[in-house]
N, C-alpha and C. Protein backbone atom coordinates (compact mmCIF):
# COMPACT_ATOMS: atom_id res chain seq x y z
N MET A 1 90.88 103.24 95.84
CA MET A 1 90.64 102.79 97.15
C MET A 1 90.56 103.82 97.94
N THR A 2 89.44 104.03 99.37
CA THR A 2 89.19 104.91 100.32
C THR A 2 90.71 105.04 100.80
N ASP A 3 90.86 106.26 101.57
CA ASP A 3 91.75 106.60 102.28
C ASP A 3 91.81 105.78 103.55
N LYS A 4 90.58 105.29 104.01
CA LYS A 4 90.25 104.66 105.47
C LYS A 4 91.17 103.51 104.87
N GLU A 5 90.55 102.18 103.69
CA GLU A 5 91.74 100.85 103.20
C GLU A 5 92.72 101.07 103.05
N MET A 6 92.88 102.25 102.78
CA MET A 6 94.62 102.29 102.73
C MET A 6 95.31 102.52 104.19
N LYS A 7 94.63 103.13 104.99
CA LYS A 7 95.23 103.11 106.22
C LYS A 7 95.22 101.84 106.79
N ASP A 8 93.92 101.52 106.78
CA ASP A 8 93.56 100.10 107.92
C ASP A 8 94.76 99.29 107.60
N THR A 9 95.44 99.23 106.12
CA THR A 9 96.31 98.29 105.67
C THR A 9 97.33 97.00 106.59
N LYS A 10 96.95 96.11 106.42
CA LYS A 10 97.68 95.34 107.42
C LYS A 10 99.01 95.64 108.38
N ASN A 11 99.69 95.92 108.99
CA ASN A 11 100.78 96.87 110.06
C ASN A 11 101.32 97.83 109.09
N LYS A 12 100.57 98.63 108.65
CA LYS A 12 100.44 99.65 108.57
C LYS A 12 102.03 99.60 107.35
N LYS A 13 101.64 98.69 106.63
CA LYS A 13 103.27 98.23 105.49
C LYS A 13 102.11 98.64 103.77
N ASN A 14 103.74 99.13 103.40
CA ASN A 14 103.15 100.11 101.86
C ASN A 14 102.83 99.41 100.91
N TYR A 15 101.62 99.08 100.49
CA TYR A 15 100.81 98.61 99.79
C TYR A 15 101.01 99.09 98.32
N ARG A 16 101.33 98.50 96.98
CA ARG A 16 100.85 99.33 95.69
C ARG A 16 99.86 98.84 95.34
N PRO A 17 98.72 99.91 95.47
CA PRO A 17 97.56 99.27 94.54
C PRO A 17 97.59 98.94 93.52
N ASN A 18 96.45 97.68 92.94
CA ASN A 18 96.61 97.07 92.19
C ASN A 18 95.41 96.42 91.78
N VAL A 19 94.93 96.22 90.48
CA VAL A 19 93.70 95.56 89.62
C VAL A 19 94.42 93.56 89.46
N ALA A 20 93.52 92.96 89.60
CA ALA A 20 93.80 91.68 89.05
C ALA A 20 92.49 90.93 88.38
N ALA A 21 92.75 89.93 87.51
CA ALA A 21 91.54 89.66 87.11
C ALA A 21 91.64 88.21 86.87
N ILE A 22 90.37 87.86 86.97
CA ILE A 22 90.42 86.31 87.12
C ILE A 22 89.53 86.06 85.73
N VAL A 23 90.24 85.32 84.85
CA VAL A 23 89.97 85.32 83.53
C VAL A 23 88.95 84.25 83.06
N LEU A 24 87.74 84.14 82.53
CA LEU A 24 87.09 83.52 82.21
C LEU A 24 87.16 82.95 80.72
N SER A 25 87.49 81.65 80.13
CA SER A 25 87.03 81.49 78.71
C SER A 25 85.86 81.63 78.26
N ALA A 26 85.43 81.86 76.87
CA ALA A 26 84.47 82.27 76.29
C ALA A 26 83.57 81.43 76.05
N LYS A 27 83.85 80.11 76.91
CA LYS A 27 83.35 79.09 76.94
C LYS A 27 82.12 79.18 77.97
N TYR A 28 82.43 80.07 78.76
CA TYR A 28 81.80 80.06 80.27
C TYR A 28 80.31 80.72 80.16
N PRO A 29 79.53 80.31 80.59
CA PRO A 29 79.46 79.56 81.68
C PRO A 29 79.15 77.54 81.16
N GLU A 30 79.04 77.57 79.86
CA GLU A 30 78.93 76.09 79.65
C GLU A 30 80.04 75.01 80.42
N LYS A 31 81.34 75.84 80.49
CA LYS A 31 82.46 75.25 80.73
C LYS A 31 83.29 76.58 81.44
N CYS A 32 83.47 75.64 82.38
CA CYS A 32 84.13 76.89 83.75
C CYS A 32 85.83 76.93 83.78
N GLU A 33 86.70 77.50 82.64
CA GLU A 33 87.83 77.68 83.00
C GLU A 33 88.34 79.01 83.33
N ILE A 34 89.68 79.01 83.74
CA ILE A 34 90.41 79.92 84.37
C ILE A 34 91.87 80.12 83.48
N PHE A 35 91.98 82.05 83.31
CA PHE A 35 93.22 81.66 82.48
C PHE A 35 94.55 81.86 83.48
N ILE A 36 95.53 81.17 83.32
CA ILE A 36 96.37 81.29 84.23
C ILE A 36 97.74 81.37 83.12
N ALA A 37 98.78 82.14 83.67
CA ALA A 37 100.21 82.26 82.68
C ALA A 37 101.46 82.29 83.67
N SER A 38 102.49 82.20 82.56
CA SER A 38 103.56 81.87 83.50
C SER A 38 104.64 83.71 83.44
N ARG A 39 105.15 84.03 84.18
CA ARG A 39 105.59 84.78 84.59
C ARG A 39 107.21 84.79 83.59
N THR A 40 107.61 85.69 82.51
CA THR A 40 108.75 86.09 82.28
C THR A 40 109.95 86.24 83.52
N ASP A 41 109.64 86.42 84.60
CA ASP A 41 110.85 87.02 85.60
C ASP A 41 111.06 86.78 86.41
N VAL A 42 109.78 85.60 86.43
CA VAL A 42 110.17 84.15 88.11
C VAL A 42 110.00 83.65 87.30
N GLU A 43 110.82 82.26 87.25
CA GLU A 43 110.53 80.85 87.26
C GLU A 43 109.41 80.13 87.66
N ASN A 44 108.21 79.46 86.97
CA ASN A 44 107.71 78.87 87.18
C ASN A 44 106.80 79.06 88.10
N ALA A 45 106.34 81.02 87.67
CA ALA A 45 105.53 81.61 88.77
C ALA A 45 103.78 82.01 87.75
N TRP A 46 102.97 81.05 87.75
CA TRP A 46 101.77 81.35 87.08
C TRP A 46 100.73 82.07 88.15
N GLN A 47 100.42 82.87 87.79
CA GLN A 47 98.89 84.01 88.27
C GLN A 47 97.99 84.27 86.90
N PHE A 48 97.07 85.21 87.90
CA PHE A 48 96.07 85.77 86.94
C PHE A 48 97.16 86.90 86.27
N PRO A 49 96.35 87.71 85.41
CA PRO A 49 96.61 88.62 84.71
C PRO A 49 96.29 90.25 86.20
N GLN A 50 97.45 90.70 86.29
CA GLN A 50 97.42 92.32 87.45
C GLN A 50 98.44 92.85 86.67
N GLY A 51 98.30 94.08 87.66
CA GLY A 51 99.23 95.04 87.38
C GLY A 51 98.75 96.44 88.16
N GLY A 52 99.70 97.28 88.43
CA GLY A 52 99.01 98.24 89.47
C GLY A 52 98.70 99.50 89.02
N ILE A 53 97.62 100.41 89.44
CA ILE A 53 96.81 101.17 89.44
C ILE A 53 97.58 102.57 89.63
N ASP A 54 97.33 103.68 88.07
CA ASP A 54 97.74 104.36 87.95
C ASP A 54 97.66 105.88 88.60
N ASP A 55 98.39 106.63 88.96
CA ASP A 55 97.73 107.99 89.83
C ASP A 55 96.26 108.46 88.91
N GLY A 56 95.33 108.79 90.03
CA GLY A 56 94.15 109.16 89.22
C GLY A 56 93.29 108.27 88.23
N GLU A 57 93.92 106.80 88.15
CA GLU A 57 93.07 105.97 87.27
C GLU A 57 91.91 105.22 88.16
N LYS A 58 90.82 105.03 87.97
CA LYS A 58 90.31 104.02 88.23
C LYS A 58 90.33 102.66 88.54
N PRO A 59 89.91 101.89 89.36
CA PRO A 59 90.65 100.23 89.16
C PRO A 59 89.60 99.59 88.01
N ASN A 60 88.56 100.00 87.60
CA ASN A 60 87.98 99.55 86.30
C ASN A 60 88.90 99.64 85.46
N GLU A 61 89.82 101.31 85.33
CA GLU A 61 90.12 102.00 83.70
C GLU A 61 91.46 101.05 83.91
N ALA A 62 92.05 100.73 85.21
CA ALA A 62 93.11 100.03 85.34
C ALA A 62 92.81 98.78 84.89
N LEU A 63 92.04 97.93 85.17
CA LEU A 63 92.03 96.22 84.83
C LEU A 63 91.83 96.42 82.94
N PHE A 64 91.31 96.82 82.59
CA PHE A 64 90.69 97.05 80.79
C PHE A 64 92.21 97.21 80.71
N ARG A 65 93.46 98.38 80.54
CA ARG A 65 94.21 99.11 80.23
C ARG A 65 95.14 97.59 80.96
N GLU A 66 95.31 97.21 81.97
CA GLU A 66 96.22 96.18 82.42
C GLU A 66 96.03 94.85 81.51
N LEU A 67 95.23 94.38 81.59
CA LEU A 67 94.48 93.10 80.10
C LEU A 67 95.20 93.67 78.64
N GLU A 68 95.14 94.75 78.94
CA GLU A 68 95.66 94.71 76.98
C GLU A 68 96.92 94.53 77.13
N GLU A 69 97.71 95.43 78.30
CA GLU A 69 99.31 95.40 78.46
C GLU A 69 99.76 93.94 78.83
N GLU A 70 99.21 92.92 79.50
CA GLU A 70 99.45 91.56 79.39
C GLU A 70 99.03 90.74 78.64
N ILE A 71 97.95 90.66 78.36
CA ILE A 71 97.29 89.36 77.28
C ILE A 71 96.77 89.91 76.20
N GLY A 72 97.10 91.39 75.75
CA GLY A 72 97.03 91.75 74.07
C GLY A 72 95.11 91.91 74.27
N THR A 73 94.68 91.84 75.10
CA THR A 73 92.35 92.76 75.13
C THR A 73 92.23 92.91 76.11
N ARG A 74 91.72 93.74 75.63
CA ARG A 74 90.74 93.99 76.66
C ARG A 74 89.36 93.90 76.68
N ASP A 75 88.91 92.93 75.23
CA ASP A 75 87.37 92.27 75.06
C ASP A 75 87.19 91.38 75.61
N VAL A 76 86.97 92.05 77.31
CA VAL A 76 86.71 91.09 78.51
C VAL A 76 84.88 92.04 78.62
N GLU A 77 84.13 91.17 79.14
CA GLU A 77 83.04 91.42 79.98
C GLU A 77 82.91 91.03 81.48
N ILE A 78 83.12 92.32 82.55
CA ILE A 78 82.67 91.95 84.20
C ILE A 78 81.75 91.18 83.84
N ILE A 79 82.02 90.46 84.86
CA ILE A 79 81.03 88.95 85.47
C ILE A 79 80.62 89.83 87.24
N ALA A 80 81.85 90.57 88.06
CA ALA A 80 81.28 90.38 89.10
C ALA A 80 82.51 90.62 89.81
N GLU A 81 82.29 91.31 90.50
CA GLU A 81 83.73 92.56 91.82
C GLU A 81 83.98 91.99 92.83
N TYR A 82 85.01 91.36 93.40
CA TYR A 82 85.23 90.98 94.87
C TYR A 82 84.97 92.35 95.41
N PRO A 83 83.77 92.13 96.81
CA PRO A 83 83.63 93.31 97.54
C PRO A 83 84.83 94.40 98.51
N LYS A 84 86.01 93.67 98.47
CA LYS A 84 86.80 93.93 99.74
C LYS A 84 87.99 94.15 98.18
N TRP A 85 88.90 95.29 99.18
CA TRP A 85 90.52 94.89 98.51
C TRP A 85 90.93 93.96 99.24
N VAL A 86 91.82 93.82 98.80
CA VAL A 86 93.10 91.93 99.42
C VAL A 86 94.36 92.54 99.19
N SER A 87 94.97 92.10 100.49
CA SER A 87 96.66 92.26 100.02
C SER A 87 97.36 90.77 100.47
N TYR A 88 98.79 90.89 100.16
CA TYR A 88 99.63 90.18 100.61
C TYR A 88 100.93 90.80 100.24
N ASP A 89 101.64 90.20 100.78
CA ASP A 89 103.36 90.80 101.47
C ASP A 89 104.52 89.73 100.16
N PHE A 90 104.92 90.37 99.65
CA PHE A 90 105.93 89.90 98.86
C PHE A 90 106.93 89.23 99.13
N PRO A 91 107.13 87.49 98.81
CA PRO A 91 108.32 87.32 99.23
C PRO A 91 109.61 88.07 99.70
N PRO A 92 110.84 88.09 100.41
CA PRO A 92 111.59 88.80 100.45
C PRO A 92 112.62 88.68 99.39
N VAL A 93 112.90 88.14 98.08
CA VAL A 93 113.47 88.36 97.14
C VAL A 93 112.87 89.01 95.99
N ILE A 94 111.24 88.88 96.17
CA ILE A 94 110.51 90.04 95.01
C ILE A 94 110.53 91.20 96.11
N ALA A 95 110.54 91.47 97.04
CA ALA A 95 110.67 92.83 97.70
C ALA A 95 111.27 93.67 97.44
N LYS A 96 112.49 93.24 97.34
CA LYS A 96 113.70 93.73 97.22
C LYS A 96 113.50 94.38 95.29
N LYS A 97 112.89 93.66 94.57
CA LYS A 97 112.93 94.59 93.11
C LYS A 97 111.51 95.52 93.45
N MET A 98 110.61 95.33 94.15
CA MET A 98 109.35 95.71 94.01
C MET A 98 109.75 96.93 95.04
N HIS A 99 110.93 97.22 95.88
CA HIS A 99 111.16 98.62 96.60
C HIS A 99 110.34 99.57 95.87
N PRO A 100 109.62 100.48 96.73
CA PRO A 100 109.26 100.33 98.14
C PRO A 100 108.16 99.33 99.20
N TYR A 101 107.91 98.54 97.92
CA TYR A 101 106.66 98.23 98.39
C TYR A 101 107.27 96.64 99.05
N ASP A 102 106.14 96.35 99.98
CA ASP A 102 106.42 95.03 100.91
C ASP A 102 105.41 94.79 100.36
N GLY A 103 104.56 94.75 99.54
CA GLY A 103 103.34 93.75 98.79
C GLY A 103 102.14 94.60 97.96
N GLN A 104 101.40 93.73 98.06
CA GLN A 104 100.10 94.40 96.98
C GLN A 104 99.06 94.51 97.72
N ILE A 105 97.93 95.74 97.36
CA ILE A 105 96.34 95.47 97.79
C ILE A 105 95.62 95.49 96.78
N GLN A 106 94.55 94.24 96.58
CA GLN A 106 94.14 94.18 95.03
C GLN A 106 92.69 94.33 94.97
N LYS A 107 92.16 94.75 93.89
CA LYS A 107 90.49 94.58 93.53
C LYS A 107 90.90 93.89 92.49
N TYR A 108 89.90 92.54 93.62
CA TYR A 108 89.87 91.13 91.64
C TYR A 108 88.33 91.75 91.00
N TYR A 109 88.52 91.02 89.60
CA TYR A 109 87.20 91.34 88.66
C TYR A 109 87.39 89.84 88.51
N LEU A 110 86.42 88.94 88.57
CA LEU A 110 86.00 88.20 87.32
C LEU A 110 85.18 89.11 86.12
N VAL A 111 85.96 88.27 85.10
CA VAL A 111 85.94 88.52 83.89
C VAL A 111 85.55 87.50 82.59
N LYS A 112 84.76 87.84 81.25
CA LYS A 112 84.74 86.47 80.78
C LYS A 112 84.77 87.34 79.26
N LEU A 113 85.95 86.58 78.51
CA LEU A 113 86.70 87.02 77.48
C LEU A 113 85.11 86.64 76.26
N LYS A 114 85.25 87.76 75.72
CA LYS A 114 83.91 87.88 74.59
C LYS A 114 84.39 86.88 73.67
N LYS A 115 83.04 86.41 72.85
CA LYS A 115 83.63 85.75 71.82
C LYS A 115 83.94 85.88 70.55
N GLY A 116 85.42 85.34 70.44
CA GLY A 116 86.26 85.83 69.28
C GLY A 116 87.58 86.67 69.54
N ALA A 117 87.25 86.54 71.14
CA ALA A 117 88.67 87.87 71.27
C ALA A 117 90.05 86.60 71.61
N LYS A 118 91.02 87.19 71.45
CA LYS A 118 92.26 87.19 70.83
C LYS A 118 93.16 87.34 72.12
N ILE A 119 94.05 86.53 72.29
CA ILE A 119 95.03 86.48 73.76
C ILE A 119 96.12 86.42 72.73
N ASP A 120 96.78 87.50 73.19
CA ASP A 120 98.04 87.65 72.87
C ASP A 120 99.28 88.00 73.33
N ILE A 121 99.99 87.68 74.18
CA ILE A 121 100.85 87.44 75.37
C ILE A 121 102.52 88.17 74.86
N ASN A 122 102.57 87.87 73.94
CA ASN A 122 103.62 89.01 72.96
C ASN A 122 103.16 90.39 72.94
N THR A 123 102.71 91.10 73.67
CA THR A 123 102.84 92.33 73.85
C THR A 123 103.98 93.11 73.83
N HIS A 124 103.58 94.35 73.92
CA HIS A 124 105.30 95.32 74.04
C HIS A 124 106.18 95.41 74.72
N ILE A 125 105.89 94.86 76.17
CA ILE A 125 107.17 94.38 77.01
C ILE A 125 105.79 92.92 77.82
N PRO A 126 106.45 91.97 76.92
CA PRO A 126 105.67 90.68 77.47
C PRO A 126 106.03 90.63 78.81
N GLU A 127 105.41 90.08 79.68
CA GLU A 127 104.69 89.68 81.13
C GLU A 127 105.04 88.04 81.23
N PHE A 128 104.28 87.38 80.35
CA PHE A 128 104.11 86.20 80.35
C PHE A 128 105.00 85.44 79.17
N SER A 129 105.64 83.84 79.37
CA SER A 129 106.09 83.18 79.19
C SER A 129 105.31 82.45 77.98
N GLU A 130 104.20 81.73 78.42
CA GLU A 130 103.24 80.61 78.43
C GLU A 130 101.67 81.05 79.20
N TYR A 131 100.48 80.73 78.32
CA TYR A 131 99.16 80.40 79.32
C TYR A 131 98.42 79.47 79.19
N LYS A 132 97.89 79.11 79.50
CA LYS A 132 96.61 77.97 79.47
C LYS A 132 95.24 78.40 80.43
N PHE A 133 94.32 77.72 79.62
CA PHE A 133 92.63 78.17 80.64
C PHE A 133 92.94 76.44 81.74
N VAL A 134 93.02 76.26 82.70
CA VAL A 134 92.60 75.08 83.33
C VAL A 134 91.07 75.05 84.18
N PRO A 135 91.22 74.18 84.36
CA PRO A 135 89.49 74.18 85.67
C PRO A 135 89.79 74.76 87.39
N THR A 136 88.95 75.23 87.31
CA THR A 136 89.23 75.92 89.05
C THR A 136 89.92 74.98 89.95
N GLU A 137 89.38 73.72 89.86
CA GLU A 137 89.75 72.57 90.77
C GLU A 137 91.34 72.40 90.30
N ASN A 138 92.08 72.39 89.05
CA ASN A 138 93.47 72.64 89.05
C ASN A 138 94.35 73.86 88.81
N ILE A 139 93.72 74.72 89.61
CA ILE A 139 94.44 76.15 89.32
C ILE A 139 95.79 75.80 90.41
N TYR A 140 95.64 75.36 91.58
CA TYR A 140 96.50 75.30 92.41
C TYR A 140 97.79 74.08 92.47
N ASP A 141 97.44 73.60 91.27
CA ASP A 141 98.69 72.46 90.90
C ASP A 141 99.74 73.93 90.26
N TYR A 142 99.48 74.99 89.83
CA TYR A 142 99.99 76.04 88.78
C TYR A 142 100.30 77.04 90.02
N ILE A 143 99.64 77.89 90.79
CA ILE A 143 99.79 79.35 91.37
C ILE A 143 100.72 79.61 92.07
N THR A 144 101.52 80.17 92.28
CA THR A 144 103.01 80.47 92.87
C THR A 144 102.51 80.64 94.38
N PHE A 145 103.13 80.15 95.21
CA PHE A 145 102.76 80.15 96.55
C PHE A 145 102.26 81.20 97.20
N PHE A 146 103.05 82.04 96.82
CA PHE A 146 102.63 83.61 98.09
C PHE A 146 101.28 83.92 97.51
N LYS A 147 100.88 83.61 96.61
CA LYS A 147 99.11 83.92 96.11
C LYS A 147 98.42 83.05 96.50
N ARG A 148 98.78 81.43 96.16
CA ARG A 148 97.70 80.94 96.39
C ARG A 148 96.44 81.33 97.98
N THR A 149 96.98 82.39 99.26
CA THR A 149 95.71 82.25 100.05
C THR A 149 94.80 83.37 99.68
N VAL A 150 95.40 84.44 98.77
CA VAL A 150 94.63 85.48 98.17
C VAL A 150 93.43 84.84 97.58
N TYR A 151 94.67 84.02 96.77
CA TYR A 151 93.15 83.47 95.25
C TYR A 151 92.30 82.54 95.66
N LYS A 152 92.75 81.40 96.65
CA LYS A 152 91.64 80.75 97.71
C LYS A 152 90.42 81.57 98.11
N GLN A 153 90.58 82.80 98.98
CA GLN A 153 89.85 83.50 99.37
C GLN A 153 88.79 84.22 97.98
N VAL A 154 89.44 84.85 97.12
CA VAL A 154 88.69 85.11 95.91
C VAL A 154 88.12 84.29 95.35
N LEU A 155 88.15 82.89 94.72
CA LEU A 155 87.69 81.87 93.78
C LEU A 155 86.42 81.13 95.25
N LYS A 156 86.95 81.25 96.27
CA LYS A 156 85.74 80.98 97.31
C LYS A 156 84.63 81.28 97.35
N TYR A 157 84.99 83.33 96.87
CA TYR A 157 83.81 84.26 97.02
C TYR A 157 83.11 84.05 96.14
N PHE A 158 83.64 84.11 95.19
CA PHE A 158 83.05 83.94 93.59
C PHE A 158 82.19 82.18 93.45
N LYS A 159 82.56 81.30 94.34
CA LYS A 159 82.52 80.37 93.51
C LYS A 159 80.39 80.34 94.95
N LYS A 160 80.94 81.24 95.91
CA LYS A 160 79.87 81.17 96.94
C LYS A 160 78.22 81.86 96.46
N GLU A 161 79.14 82.61 95.69
CA GLU A 161 78.32 83.58 94.68
C GLU A 161 77.68 83.41 93.40
N GLY A 162 77.62 81.85 93.52
CA GLY A 162 77.30 81.16 91.64
C GLY A 162 77.59 81.51 90.45
N PHE A 163 78.72 82.52 90.78
CA PHE A 163 79.64 82.71 89.62
C PHE A 163 80.53 82.00 89.08
N ILE A 164 81.30 80.68 89.77
CA ILE A 164 82.33 79.73 89.03
C ILE A 164 81.92 78.21 89.83
């Protein structure tokens, strides 16, 4: 993220730099299903894989590391990248756990699992208790409330661009 993007984050809040992956099944483009998973630490909180960017790490490097840490594979192909950084605020109960951060500023990637890729959420430190692939129109039946605005913005872009 550039210094300007960091300085321009809304209301000068302290946002954690982060990457997020919209993971399409290996059946894409014939069938458009998106991976979502339920967090182990927040009941009924479904989301896309995501995670922090380490110091000195490039966003695409963090993407592959986070995918391996969270879903047990880096066997994906990048289809597209959202052109801007997007941010959201944590709800108060989560903000307490994530101190000193007020929310996250994220770089989104649309990726496709390669044929034969194996997902394993029983990783070294499991972040998800279960996962599923759902059609794009069913995403909001699951996604936790505070991430919906960002998800809608990013998914709308990838749909408009003809990727999903």
